[in-house]
Amino acid sequence: MLDIFIGMAICMFAIVGLTEIWHGVGTFFLMFPQDRTTFIVSSRGHDEKIEYLIRSLAFRAKEMQLKFYSVILVVDDGMDTQTKEICRILSSELECVEICGSEELSALLCGDK
């Protein structure tokens, strides 16, 4: 009786494992091809959560970097000096972070730097 339960458990783990492999392969091949992923963060005034937001997006961008180049654009929409300084520090620390004004956004998105 114990052998039957152990056999059923092994079969169940095998089915779950095959399902995960199939899902991973399907996600990889059915993904829309692109060369760059852009995250846009707009900040206005004093934003206490900007560092957490940028760092979490940078972590996500690092995970995705095997497939495409990722960029995080921080749009200065009237940030105060403390928030600007935090963004400048993060931009120098993390290579995927760029700071721009709202008027520069369309040029950066189109790649017209």
PDB file of N, CA and C in Angstrom:
ATOM      1  N   MET A   1       0.824  -1.198   0.000  1.00  0.00           N
ATOM      2  CA  MET A   1       0.000   0.000   0.000  1.00  0.00           C
ATOM      3  C   MET A   1       0.867   1.261   0.000  1.00  0.00           C
ATOM      4  N   LEU A   2       1.939   1.229   0.793  1.00  0.00           N
ATOM      5  CA  LEU A   2       2.851   2.364   0.848  1.00  0.00           C
ATOM      6  C   LEU A   2       3.538   2.563  -0.500  1.00  0.00           C
ATOM      7  N   ASP A   3       3.827   1.458  -1.189  1.00  0.00           N
ATOM      8  CA  ASP A   3       4.468   1.547  -2.505  1.00  0.00           C
ATOM      9  C   ASP A   3       3.562   2.267  -3.512  1.00  0.00           C
ATOM     10  N   ILE A   4       2.276   2.047  -3.403  1.00  0.00           N
ATOM     11  CA  ILE A   4       1.328   2.690  -4.319  1.00  0.00           C
ATOM     12  C   ILE A   4       1.321   4.200  -4.089  1.00  0.00           C
ATOM     13  N   PHE A   5       1.286   4.620  -2.814  1.00  0.00           N
ATOM     14  CA  PHE A   5       1.294   6.055  -2.502  1.00  0.00           C
ATOM     15  C   PHE A   5       2.602   6.719  -2.949  1.00  0.00           C
ATOM     16  N   ILE A   6       3.711   6.051  -2.744  1.00  0.00           N
ATOM     17  CA  ILE A   6       5.004   6.598  -3.165  1.00  0.00           C
ATOM     18  C   ILE A   6       5.061   6.697  -4.692  1.00  0.00           C
ATOM     19  N   GLY A   7       4.568   5.671  -5.382  1.00  0.00           N
ATOM     20  CA  GLY A   7       4.523   5.695  -6.850  1.00  0.00           C
ATOM     21  C   GLY A   7       3.640   6.813  -7.380  1.00  0.00           C
ATOM     22  N   MET A   8       2.483   7.024  -6.719  1.00  0.00           N
ATOM     23  CA  MET A   8       1.590   8.107  -7.119  1.00  0.00           C
ATOM     24  C   MET A   8       2.233   9.474  -6.877  1.00  0.00           C
ATOM     25  N   ALA A   9       2.944   9.622  -5.787  1.00  0.00           N
ATOM     26  CA  ALA A   9       3.611  10.890  -5.485  1.00  0.00           C
ATOM     27  C   ALA A   9       4.698  11.181  -6.515  1.00  0.00           C
ATOM     28  N   ILE A  10       5.466  10.165  -6.886  1.00  0.00           N
ATOM     29  CA  ILE A  10       6.523  10.349  -7.885  1.00  0.00           C
ATOM     30  C   ILE A  10       5.910  10.721  -9.235  1.00  0.00           C
ATOM     31  N   CYS A  11       4.813  10.078  -9.609  1.00  0.00           N
ATOM     32  CA  CYS A  11       4.130  10.416 -10.864  1.00  0.00           C
ATOM     33  C   CYS A  11       3.606  11.856 -10.836  1.00  0.00           C
ATOM     34  N   MET A  12       3.069  12.257  -9.719  1.00  0.00           N
ATOM     35  CA  MET A  12       2.545  13.612  -9.596  1.00  0.00           C
ATOM     36  C   MET A  12       3.657  14.642  -9.731  1.00  0.00           C
ATOM     37  N   PHE A  13       4.803  14.396  -9.056  1.00  0.00           N
ATOM     38  CA  PHE A  13       5.946  15.317  -9.171  1.00  0.00           C
ATOM     39  C   PHE A  13       6.473  15.354 -10.602  1.00  0.00           C
ATOM     40  N   ALA A  14       6.467  14.230 -11.296  1.00  0.00           N
ATOM     41  CA  ALA A  14       6.929  14.194 -12.685  1.00  0.00           C
ATOM     42  C   ALA A  14       5.999  14.999 -13.583  1.00  0.00           C
ATOM     43  N   ILE A  15       4.704  14.880 -13.370  1.00  0.00           N
ATOM     44  CA  ILE A  15       3.743  15.633 -14.174  1.00  0.00           C
ATOM     45  C   ILE A  15       3.891  17.128 -13.921  1.00  0.00           C
ATOM     46  N   VAL A  16       4.031  17.518 -12.658  1.00  0.00           N
ATOM     47  CA  VAL A  16       4.216  18.935 -12.327  1.00  0.00           C
ATOM     48  C   VAL A  16       5.514  19.456 -12.941  1.00  0.00           C
ATOM     49  N   GLY A  17       6.573  18.681 -12.875  1.00  0.00           N
ATOM     50  CA  GLY A  17       7.852  19.091 -13.456  1.00  0.00           C
ATOM     51  C   GLY A  17       7.765  19.256 -14.960  1.00  0.00           C
ATOM     52  N   LEU A  18       7.123  18.317 -15.649  1.00  0.00           N
ATOM     53  CA  LEU A  18       6.953  18.427 -17.097  1.00  0.00           C
ATOM     54  C   LEU A  18       6.092  19.633 -17.473  1.00  0.00           C
ATOM     55  N   THR A  19       5.080  19.908 -16.666  1.00  0.00           N
ATOM     56  CA  THR A  19       4.237  21.072 -16.916  1.00  0.00           C
ATOM     57  C   THR A  19       5.039  22.362 -16.787  1.00  0.00           C
ATOM     58  N   GLU A  20       5.883  22.448 -15.775  1.00  0.00           N
ATOM     59  CA  GLU A  20       6.721  23.637 -15.599  1.00  0.00           C
ATOM     60  C   GLU A  20       7.709  23.795 -16.747  1.00  0.00           C
ATOM     61  N   ILE A  21       8.293  22.715 -17.199  1.00  0.00           N
ATOM     62  CA  ILE A  21       9.226  22.772 -18.333  1.00  0.00           C
ATOM     63  C   ILE A  21       8.490  23.228 -19.587  1.00  0.00           C
ATOM     64  N   TRP A  22       7.318  22.668 -19.848  1.00  0.00           N
ATOM     65  CA  TRP A  22       6.533  23.051 -21.016  1.00  0.00           C
ATOM     66  C   TRP A  22       6.153  24.531 -20.960  1.00  0.00           C
ATOM     67  N   HIS A  23       5.773  25.005 -19.790  1.00  0.00           N
ATOM     68  CA  HIS A  23       5.414  26.416 -19.616  1.00  0.00           C
ATOM     69  C   HIS A  23       6.621  27.313 -19.881  1.00  0.00           C
ATOM     70  N   GLY A  24       7.783  26.952 -19.370  1.00  0.00           N
ATOM     71  CA  GLY A  24       8.988  27.740 -19.592  1.00  0.00           C
ATOM     72  C   GLY A  24       9.392  27.798 -21.049  1.00  0.00           C
ATOM     73  N   VAL A  25       9.328  26.663 -21.733  1.00  0.00           N
ATOM     74  CA  VAL A  25       9.681  26.622 -23.153  1.00  0.00           C
ATOM     75  C   VAL A  25       8.672  27.435 -23.965  1.00  0.00           C
ATOM     76  N   GLY A  26       7.406  27.286 -23.663  1.00  0.00           N
ATOM     77  CA  GLY A  26       6.377  28.045 -24.375  1.00  0.00           C
ATOM     78  C   GLY A  26       6.512  29.538 -24.158  1.00  0.00           C
ATOM     79  N   THR A  27       6.805  29.962 -22.945  1.00  0.00           N
ATOM     80  CA  THR A  27       6.995  31.380 -22.656  1.00  0.00           C
ATOM     81  C   THR A  27       8.197  31.925 -23.407  1.00  0.00           C
ATOM     82  N   PHE A  28       9.270  31.151 -23.471  1.00  0.00           N
ATOM     83  CA  PHE A  28      10.481  31.605 -24.154  1.00  0.00           C
ATOM     84  C   PHE A  28      10.244  31.785 -25.654  1.00  0.00           C
ATOM     85  N   PHE A  29       9.580  30.837 -26.288  1.00  0.00           N
ATOM     86  CA  PHE A  29       9.409  30.897 -27.730  1.00  0.00           C
ATOM     87  C   PHE A  29       8.237  31.769 -28.177  1.00  0.00           C
ATOM     88  N   LEU A  30       7.239  31.962 -27.337  1.00  0.00           N
ATOM     89  CA  LEU A  30       6.082  32.751 -27.735  1.00  0.00           C
ATOM     90  C   LEU A  30       6.167  34.205 -27.300  1.00  0.00           C
ATOM     91  N   MET A  31       7.276  34.596 -26.699  1.00  0.00           N
ATOM     92  CA  MET A  31       7.440  35.962 -26.250  1.00  0.00           C
ATOM     93  C   MET A  31       7.607  36.907 -27.444  1.00  0.00           C
ATOM     94  N   PHE A  32       7.003  38.070 -27.362  1.00  0.00           N
ATOM     95  CA  PHE A  32       7.109  39.048 -28.437  1.00  0.00           C
ATOM     96  C   PHE A  32       8.550  39.544 -28.522  1.00  0.00           C
ATOM     97  N   PRO A  33       9.174  39.426 -29.692  1.00  0.00           N
ATOM     98  CA  PRO A  33      10.573  39.819 -29.802  1.00  0.00           C
ATOM     99  C   PRO A  33      10.756  41.331 -29.731  1.00  0.00           C
ATOM    100  N   GLN A  34      11.663  41.757 -28.914  1.00  0.00           N
ATOM    101  CA  GLN A  34      11.998  43.164 -28.802  1.00  0.00           C
ATOM    102  C   GLN A  34      13.437  43.279 -28.345  1.00  0.00           C
ATOM    103  N   ASP A  35      14.039  44.365 -28.671  1.00  0.00           N
ATOM    104  CA  ASP A  35      15.435  44.521 -28.322  1.00  0.00           C
ATOM    105  C   ASP A  35      15.639  45.327 -27.053  1.00  0.00           C
ATOM    106  N   ARG A  36      14.610  46.002 -26.606  1.00  0.00           N
ATOM    107  CA  ARG A  36      14.756  46.844 -25.423  1.00  0.00           C
ATOM    108  C   ARG A  36      13.441  46.917 -24.657  1.00  0.00           C
ATOM    109  N   THR A  37      13.532  46.786 -23.365  1.00  0.00           N
ATOM    110  CA  THR A  37      12.385  46.965 -22.490  1.00  0.00           C
ATOM    111  C   THR A  37      12.615  48.232 -21.688  1.00  0.00           C
ATOM    112  N   THR A  38      11.631  49.117 -21.677  1.00  0.00           N
ATOM    113  CA  THR A  38      11.776  50.395 -20.998  1.00  0.00           C
ATOM    114  C   THR A  38      10.735  50.493 -19.893  1.00  0.00           C
ATOM    115  N   PHE A  39      11.209  50.748 -18.684  1.00  0.00           N
ATOM    116  CA  PHE A  39      10.336  51.036 -17.558  1.00  0.00           C
ATOM    117  C   PHE A  39      10.353  52.549 -17.365  1.00  0.00           C
ATOM    118  N   ILE A  40       9.195  53.155 -17.223  1.00  0.00           N
ATOM    119  CA  ILE A  40       9.116  54.605 -17.047  1.00  0.00           C
ATOM    120  C   ILE A  40       8.541  54.900 -15.673  1.00  0.00           C
ATOM    121  N   VAL A  41       9.290  55.707 -14.894  1.00  0.00           N
ATOM    122  CA  VAL A  41       8.872  56.110 -13.560  1.00  0.00           C
ATOM    123  C   VAL A  41       8.783  57.624 -13.560  1.00  0.00           C
ATOM    124  N   SER A  42       7.628  58.159 -13.287  1.00  0.00           N
ATOM    125  CA  SER A  42       7.451  59.603 -13.209  1.00  0.00           C
ATOM    126  C   SER A  42       7.376  59.996 -11.742  1.00  0.00           C
ATOM    127  N   SER A  43       8.120  61.018 -11.397  1.00  0.00           N
ATOM    128  CA  SER A  43       8.146  61.440  -9.996  1.00  0.00           C
ATOM    129  C   SER A  43       7.921  62.938  -9.908  1.00  0.00           C
ATOM    130  N   ARG A  44       7.108  63.325  -8.942  1.00  0.00           N
ATOM    131  CA  ARG A  44       6.778  64.738  -8.736  1.00  0.00           C
ATOM    132  C   ARG A  44       6.843  65.025  -7.237  1.00  0.00           C
ATOM    133  N   GLY A  45       7.425  66.156  -6.887  1.00  0.00           N
ATOM    134  CA  GLY A  45       7.499  66.559  -5.492  1.00  0.00           C
ATOM    135  C   GLY A  45       8.451  65.671  -4.702  1.00  0.00           C
ATOM    136  N   HIS A  46       8.104  65.403  -3.466  1.00  0.00           N
ATOM    137  CA  HIS A  46       8.925  64.543  -2.604  1.00  0.00           C
ATOM    138  C   HIS A  46       8.351  63.128  -2.654  1.00  0.00           C
ATOM    139  N   ASP A  47       9.143  62.210  -3.152  1.00  0.00           N
ATOM    140  CA  ASP A  47       8.708  60.826  -3.302  1.00  0.00           C
ATOM    141  C   ASP A  47       9.557  59.949  -2.386  1.00  0.00           C
ATOM    142  N   GLU A  48       8.978  59.469  -1.303  1.00  0.00           N
ATOM    143  CA  GLU A  48       9.718  58.678  -0.316  1.00  0.00           C
ATOM    144  C   GLU A  48      10.008  57.260  -0.801  1.00  0.00           C
ATOM    145  N   LYS A  49       9.232  56.769  -1.746  1.00  0.00           N
ATOM    146  CA  LYS A  49       9.375  55.377  -2.182  1.00  0.00           C
ATOM    147  C   LYS A  49      10.157  55.237  -3.485  1.00  0.00           C
ATOM    148  N   ILE A  50      10.770  56.306  -3.963  1.00  0.00           N
ATOM    149  CA  ILE A  50      11.424  56.264  -5.269  1.00  0.00           C
ATOM    150  C   ILE A  50      12.607  55.303  -5.283  1.00  0.00           C
ATOM    151  N   GLU A  51      13.381  55.259  -4.208  1.00  0.00           N
ATOM    152  CA  GLU A  51      14.538  54.357  -4.176  1.00  0.00           C
ATOM    153  C   GLU A  51      14.089  52.901  -4.225  1.00  0.00           C
ATOM    154  N   TYR A  52      13.088  52.554  -3.444  1.00  0.00           N
ATOM    155  CA  TYR A  52      12.573  51.184  -3.451  1.00  0.00           C
ATOM    156  C   TYR A  52      12.036  50.812  -4.831  1.00  0.00           C
ATOM    157  N   LEU A  53      11.309  51.728  -5.454  1.00  0.00           N
ATOM    158  CA  LEU A  53      10.725  51.468  -6.761  1.00  0.00           C
ATOM    159  C   LEU A  53      11.808  51.249  -7.824  1.00  0.00           C
ATOM    160  N   ILE A  54      12.814  52.109  -7.829  1.00  0.00           N
ATOM    161  CA  ILE A  54      13.877  51.993  -8.832  1.00  0.00           C
ATOM    162  C   ILE A  54      14.691  50.724  -8.608  1.00  0.00           C
ATOM    163  N   ARG A  55      15.009  50.422  -7.359  1.00  0.00           N
ATOM    164  CA  ARG A  55      15.787  49.208  -7.083  1.00  0.00           C
ATOM    165  C   ARG A  55      15.013  47.939  -7.450  1.00  0.00           C
ATOM    166  N   SER A  56      13.707  47.916  -7.195  1.00  0.00           N
ATOM    167  CA  SER A  56      12.930  46.727  -7.556  1.00  0.00           C
ATOM    168  C   SER A  56      12.816  46.598  -9.078  1.00  0.00           C
ATOM    169  N   LEU A  57      12.674  47.710  -9.784  1.00  0.00           N
ATOM    170  CA  LEU A  57      12.661  47.647 -11.247  1.00  0.00           C
ATOM    171  C   LEU A  57      14.020  47.237 -11.796  1.00  0.00           C
ATOM    172  N   ALA A  58      15.101  47.687 -11.157  1.00  0.00           N
ATOM    173  CA  ALA A  58      16.444  47.292 -11.599  1.00  0.00           C
ATOM    174  C   ALA A  58      16.652  45.799 -11.397  1.00  0.00           C
ATOM    175  N   PHE A  59      16.128  45.257 -10.308  1.00  0.00           N
ATOM    176  CA  PHE A  59      16.215  43.810 -10.087  1.00  0.00           C
ATOM    177  C   PHE A  59      15.452  43.062 -11.173  1.00  0.00           C
ATOM    178  N   ARG A  60      14.274  43.556 -11.511  1.00  0.00           N
ATOM    179  CA  ARG A  60      13.476  42.935 -12.574  1.00  0.00           C
ATOM    180  C   ARG A  60      14.188  43.049 -13.924  1.00  0.00           C
ATOM    181  N   ALA A  61      14.808  44.195 -14.170  1.00  0.00           N
ATOM    182  CA  ALA A  61      15.544  44.389 -15.426  1.00  0.00           C
ATOM    183  C   ALA A  61      16.740  43.450 -15.502  1.00  0.00           C
ATOM    184  N   LYS A  62      17.381  43.220 -14.376  1.00  0.00           N
ATOM    185  CA  LYS A  62      18.522  42.305 -14.360  1.00  0.00           C
ATOM    186  C   LYS A  62      18.071  40.875 -14.650  1.00  0.00           C
ATOM    187  N   GLU A  63      16.900  40.490 -14.153  1.00  0.00           N
ATOM    188  CA  GLU A  63      16.350  39.166 -14.456  1.00  0.00           C
ATOM    189  C   GLU A  63      16.048  39.015 -15.938  1.00  0.00           C
ATOM    190  N   MET A  64      15.576  40.080 -16.572  1.00  0.00           N
ATOM    191  CA  MET A  64      15.183  40.030 -17.974  1.00  0.00           C
ATOM    192  C   MET A  64      16.361  40.220 -18.922  1.00  0.00           C
ATOM    193  N   GLN A  65      17.520  40.537 -18.416  1.00  0.00           N
ATOM    194  CA  GLN A  65      18.638  40.920 -19.261  1.00  0.00           C
ATOM    195  C   GLN A  65      19.140  39.790 -20.154  1.00  0.00           C
ATOM    196  N   LEU A  66      18.793  38.556 -19.867  1.00  0.00           N
ATOM    197  CA  LEU A  66      19.178  37.463 -20.738  1.00  0.00           C
ATOM    198  C   LEU A  66      18.476  37.570 -22.092  1.00  0.00           C
ATOM    199  N   LYS A  67      17.303  38.160 -22.123  1.00  0.00           N
ATOM    200  CA  LYS A  67      16.518  38.226 -23.350  1.00  0.00           C
ATOM    201  C   LYS A  67      16.640  39.568 -24.059  1.00  0.00           C
ATOM    202  N   PHE A  68      16.620  40.669 -23.330  1.00  0.00           N
ATOM    203  CA  PHE A  68      16.736  41.978 -23.948  1.00  0.00           C
ATOM    204  C   PHE A  68      17.385  42.978 -23.011  1.00  0.00           C
ATOM    205  N   TYR A  69      17.755  44.089 -23.596  1.00  0.00           N
ATOM    206  CA  TYR A  69      18.364  45.186 -22.865  1.00  0.00           C
ATOM    207  C   TYR A  69      17.251  45.966 -22.167  1.00  0.00           C
ATOM    208  N   SER A  70      17.412  46.259 -20.903  1.00  0.00           N
ATOM    209  CA  SER A  70      16.387  46.959 -20.147  1.00  0.00           C
ATOM    210  C   SER A  70      16.900  48.322 -19.685  1.00  0.00           C
ATOM    211  N   VAL A  71      16.004  49.279 -19.682  1.00  0.00           N
ATOM    212  CA  VAL A  71      16.331  50.633 -19.267  1.00  0.00           C
ATOM    213  C   VAL A  71      15.230  51.134 -18.350  1.00  0.00           C
ATOM    214  N   ILE A  72      15.601  51.898 -17.332  1.00  0.00           N
ATOM    215  CA  ILE A  72      14.637  52.518 -16.434  1.00  0.00           C
ATOM    216  C   ILE A  72      14.773  54.023 -16.615  1.00  0.00           C
ATOM    217  N   LEU A  73      13.721  54.662 -17.114  1.00  0.00           N
ATOM    218  CA  LEU A  73      13.717  56.104 -17.290  1.00  0.00           C
ATOM    219  C   LEU A  73      12.977  56.735 -16.123  1.00  0.00           C
ATOM    220  N   VAL A  74      13.676  57.585 -15.388  1.00  0.00           N
ATOM    221  CA  VAL A  74      13.057  58.326 -14.292  1.00  0.00           C
ATOM    222  C   VAL A  74      12.756  59.717 -14.826  1.00  0.00           C
ATOM    223  N   VAL A  75      11.479  60.053 -14.929  1.00  0.00           N
ATOM    224  CA  VAL A  75      11.059  61.329 -15.495  1.00  0.00           C
ATOM    225  C   VAL A  75      10.932  62.341 -14.367  1.00  0.00           C
ATOM    226  N   ASP A  76      11.720  63.404 -14.479  1.00  0.00           N
ATOM    227  CA  ASP A  76      11.675  64.499 -13.503  1.00  0.00           C
ATOM    228  C   ASP A  76      10.495  65.391 -13.859  1.00  0.00           C
ATOM    229  N   ASP A  77       9.428  65.210 -13.122  1.00  0.00           N
ATOM    230  CA  ASP A  77       8.212  65.979 -13.361  1.00  0.00           C
ATOM    231  C   ASP A  77       7.996  66.973 -12.216  1.00  0.00           C
ATOM    232  N   GLY A  78       9.103  67.598 -11.798  1.00  0.00           N
ATOM    233  CA  GLY A  78       9.047  68.560 -10.690  1.00  0.00           C
ATOM    234  C   GLY A  78       9.451  67.942  -9.364  1.00  0.00           C
ATOM    235  N   MET A  79      10.524  67.129  -9.366  1.00  0.00           N
ATOM    236  CA  MET A  79      11.008  66.514  -8.124  1.00  0.00           C
ATOM    237  C   MET A  79      11.670  67.567  -7.230  1.00  0.00           C
ATOM    238  N   ASP A  80      11.624  67.340  -5.934  1.00  0.00           N
ATOM    239  CA  ASP A  80      12.366  68.215  -5.034  1.00  0.00           C
ATOM    240  C   ASP A  80      13.845  67.818  -5.039  1.00  0.00           C
ATOM    241  N   THR A  81      14.683  68.587  -4.366  1.00  0.00           N
ATOM    242  CA  THR A  81      16.137  68.372  -4.436  1.00  0.00           C
ATOM    243  C   THR A  81      16.558  67.048  -3.810  1.00  0.00           C
ATOM    244  N   GLN A  82      15.909  66.629  -2.740  1.00  0.00           N
ATOM    245  CA  GLN A  82      16.271  65.369  -2.090  1.00  0.00           C
ATOM    246  C   GLN A  82      15.954  64.174  -2.999  1.00  0.00           C
ATOM    247  N   THR A  83      14.817  64.194  -3.642  1.00  0.00           N
ATOM    248  CA  THR A  83      14.454  63.113  -4.556  1.00  0.00           C
ATOM    249  C   THR A  83      15.380  63.103  -5.766  1.00  0.00           C
ATOM    250  N   LYS A  84      15.744  64.279  -6.291  1.00  0.00           N
ATOM    251  CA  LYS A  84      16.689  64.358  -7.410  1.00  0.00           C
ATOM    252  C   LYS A  84      18.031  63.762  -7.026  1.00  0.00           C
ATOM    253  N   GLU A  85      18.489  64.056  -5.827  1.00  0.00           N
ATOM    254  CA  GLU A  85      19.784  63.541  -5.376  1.00  0.00           C
ATOM    255  C   GLU A  85      19.750  62.017  -5.238  1.00  0.00           C
ATOM    256  N   ILE A  86      18.668  61.482  -4.710  1.00  0.00           N
ATOM    257  CA  ILE A  86      18.513  60.023  -4.607  1.00  0.00           C
ATOM    258  C   ILE A  86      18.545  59.398  -6.003  1.00  0.00           C
ATOM    259  N   CYS A  87      17.854  60.013  -6.950  1.00  0.00           N
ATOM    260  CA  CYS A  87      17.832  59.484  -8.321  1.00  0.00           C
ATOM    261  C   CYS A  87      19.205  59.582  -8.972  1.00  0.00           C
ATOM    262  N   ARG A  88      19.937  60.662  -8.720  1.00  0.00           N
ATOM    263  CA  ARG A  88      21.295  60.791  -9.274  1.00  0.00           C
ATOM    264  C   ARG A  88      22.224  59.714  -8.716  1.00  0.00           C
ATOM    265  N   ILE A  89      22.126  59.456  -7.431  1.00  0.00           N
ATOM    266  CA  ILE A  89      22.954  58.417  -6.805  1.00  0.00           C
ATOM    267  C   ILE A  89      22.620  57.052  -7.407  1.00  0.00           C
ATOM    268  N   LEU A  90      21.331  56.766  -7.548  1.00  0.00           N
ATOM    269  CA  LEU A  90      20.922  55.490  -8.130  1.00  0.00           C
ATOM    270  C   LEU A  90      21.343  55.381  -9.590  1.00  0.00           C
ATOM    271  N   SER A  91      21.308  56.488 -10.314  1.00  0.00           N
ATOM    272  CA  SER A  91      21.728  56.480 -11.713  1.00  0.00           C
ATOM    273  C   SER A  91      23.220  56.181 -11.852  1.00  0.00           C
ATOM    274  N   SER A  92      24.017  56.698 -10.931  1.00  0.00           N
ATOM    275  CA  SER A  92      25.454  56.409 -10.990  1.00  0.00           C
ATOM    276  C   SER A  92      25.762  55.001 -10.493  1.00  0.00           C
ATOM    277  N   GLU A  93      24.936  54.495  -9.593  1.00  0.00           N
ATOM    278  CA  GLU A  93      25.155  53.157  -9.034  1.00  0.00           C
ATOM    279  C   GLU A  93      24.644  52.052  -9.957  1.00  0.00           C
ATOM    280  N   LEU A  94      23.497  52.262 -10.574  1.00  0.00           N
ATOM    281  CA  LEU A  94      22.869  51.258 -11.427  1.00  0.00           C
ATOM    282  C   LEU A  94      22.990  51.701 -12.882  1.00  0.00           C
ATOM    283  N   GLU A  95      23.533  50.851 -13.715  1.00  0.00           N
ATOM    284  CA  GLU A  95      23.801  51.241 -15.102  1.00  0.00           C
ATOM    285  C   GLU A  95      22.561  51.345 -15.977  1.00  0.00           C
ATOM    286  N   CYS A  96      21.452  50.792 -15.554  1.00  0.00           N
ATOM    287  CA  CYS A  96      20.253  50.789 -16.392  1.00  0.00           C
ATOM    288  C   CYS A  96      19.316  51.965 -16.096  1.00  0.00           C
ATOM    289  N   VAL A  97      19.706  52.879 -15.200  1.00  0.00           N
ATOM    290  CA  VAL A  97      18.845  53.994 -14.795  1.00  0.00           C
ATOM    291  C   VAL A  97      19.289  55.270 -15.493  1.00  0.00           C
ATOM    292  N   GLU A  98      18.333  55.962 -16.116  1.00  0.00           N
ATOM    293  CA  GLU A  98      18.576  57.256 -16.742  1.00  0.00           C
ATOM    294  C   GLU A  98      17.546  58.247 -16.216  1.00  0.00           C
ATOM    295  N   ILE A  99      17.976  59.472 -15.980  1.00  0.00           N
ATOM    296  CA  ILE A  99      17.080  60.532 -15.516  1.00  0.00           C
ATOM    297  C   ILE A  99      16.866  61.494 -16.670  1.00  0.00           C
ATOM    298  N   CYS A 100      15.613  61.865 -16.893  1.00  0.00           N
ATOM    299  CA  CYS A 100      15.320  62.810 -17.968  1.00  0.00           C
ATOM    300  C   CYS A 100      14.170  63.708 -17.542  1.00  0.00           C
ATOM    301  N   GLY A 101      14.032  64.810 -18.242  1.00  0.00           N
ATOM    302  CA  GLY A 101      12.890  65.689 -18.046  1.00  0.00           C
ATOM    303  C   GLY A 101      11.728  65.219 -18.893  1.00  0.00           C
ATOM    304  N   SER A 102      10.548  65.731 -18.620  1.00  0.00           N
ATOM    305  CA  SER A 102       9.371  65.294 -19.381  1.00  0.00           C
ATOM    306  C   SER A 102       9.470  65.706 -20.845  1.00  0.00           C
ATOM    307  N   GLU A 103      10.190  66.795 -21.147  1.00  0.00           N
ATOM    308  CA  GLU A 103      10.341  67.220 -22.537  1.00  0.00           C
ATOM    309  C   GLU A 103      11.324  66.338 -23.310  1.00  0.00           C
ATOM    310  N   GLU A 104      12.218  65.635 -22.619  1.00  0.00           N
ATOM    311  CA  GLU A 104      13.194  64.758 -23.257  1.00  0.00           C
ATOM    312  C   GLU A 104      12.682  63.329 -23.444  1.00  0.00           C
ATOM    313  N   LEU A 105      11.546  63.022 -22.876  1.00  0.00           N
ATOM    314  CA  LEU A 105      11.056  61.650 -22.846  1.00  0.00           C
ATOM    315  C   LEU A 105      10.813  61.063 -24.234  1.00  0.00           C
ATOM    316  N   SER A 106      10.157  61.797 -25.113  1.00  0.00           N
ATOM    317  CA  SER A 106       9.846  61.242 -26.432  1.00  0.00           C
ATOM    318  C   SER A 106      11.121  60.982 -27.235  1.00  0.00           C
ATOM    319  N   ALA A 107      12.134  61.836 -27.100  1.00  0.00           N
ATOM    320  CA  ALA A 107      13.393  61.612 -27.815  1.00  0.00           C
ATOM    321  C   ALA A 107      14.089  60.355 -27.304  1.00  0.00           C
ATOM    322  N   LEU A 108      14.060  60.126 -26.006  1.00  0.00           N
ATOM    323  CA  LEU A 108      14.697  58.930 -25.444  1.00  0.00           C
ATOM    324  C   LEU A 108      13.954  57.659 -25.835  1.00  0.00           C
ATOM    325  N   LEU A 109      12.633  57.713 -25.874  1.00  0.00           N
ATOM    326  CA  LEU A 109      11.855  56.531 -26.229  1.00  0.00           C
ATOM    327  C   LEU A 109      12.036  56.157 -27.703  1.00  0.00           C
ATOM    328  N   CYS A 110      12.187  57.129 -28.540  1.00  0.00           N
ATOM    329  CA  CYS A 110      12.371  56.868 -29.976  1.00  0.00           C
ATOM    330  C   CYS A 110      13.811  56.535 -30.307  1.00  0.00           C
ATOM    331  N   GLY A 111      14.722  56.719 -29.347  1.00  0.00           N
ATOM    332  CA  GLY A 111      16.121  56.403 -29.567  1.00  0.00           C
ATOM    333  C   GLY A 111      16.871  57.505 -30.287  1.00  0.00           C
ATOM    334  N   ASP A 112      16.395  58.736 -30.213  1.00  0.00           N
ATOM    335  CA  ASP A 112      17.020  59.855 -30.901  1.00  0.00           C
ATOM    336  C   ASP A 112      18.050  60.587 -30.059  1.00  0.00           C
ATOM    337  N   LYS A 113      18.466  60.054 -28.964  1.00  0.00           N
ATOM    338  CA  LYS A 113      19.402  60.675 -28.034  1.00  0.00           C
ATOM    339  C   LYS A 113      20.150  61.756 -28.722  1.00  0.00           C
TER     340      LYS A 113
END
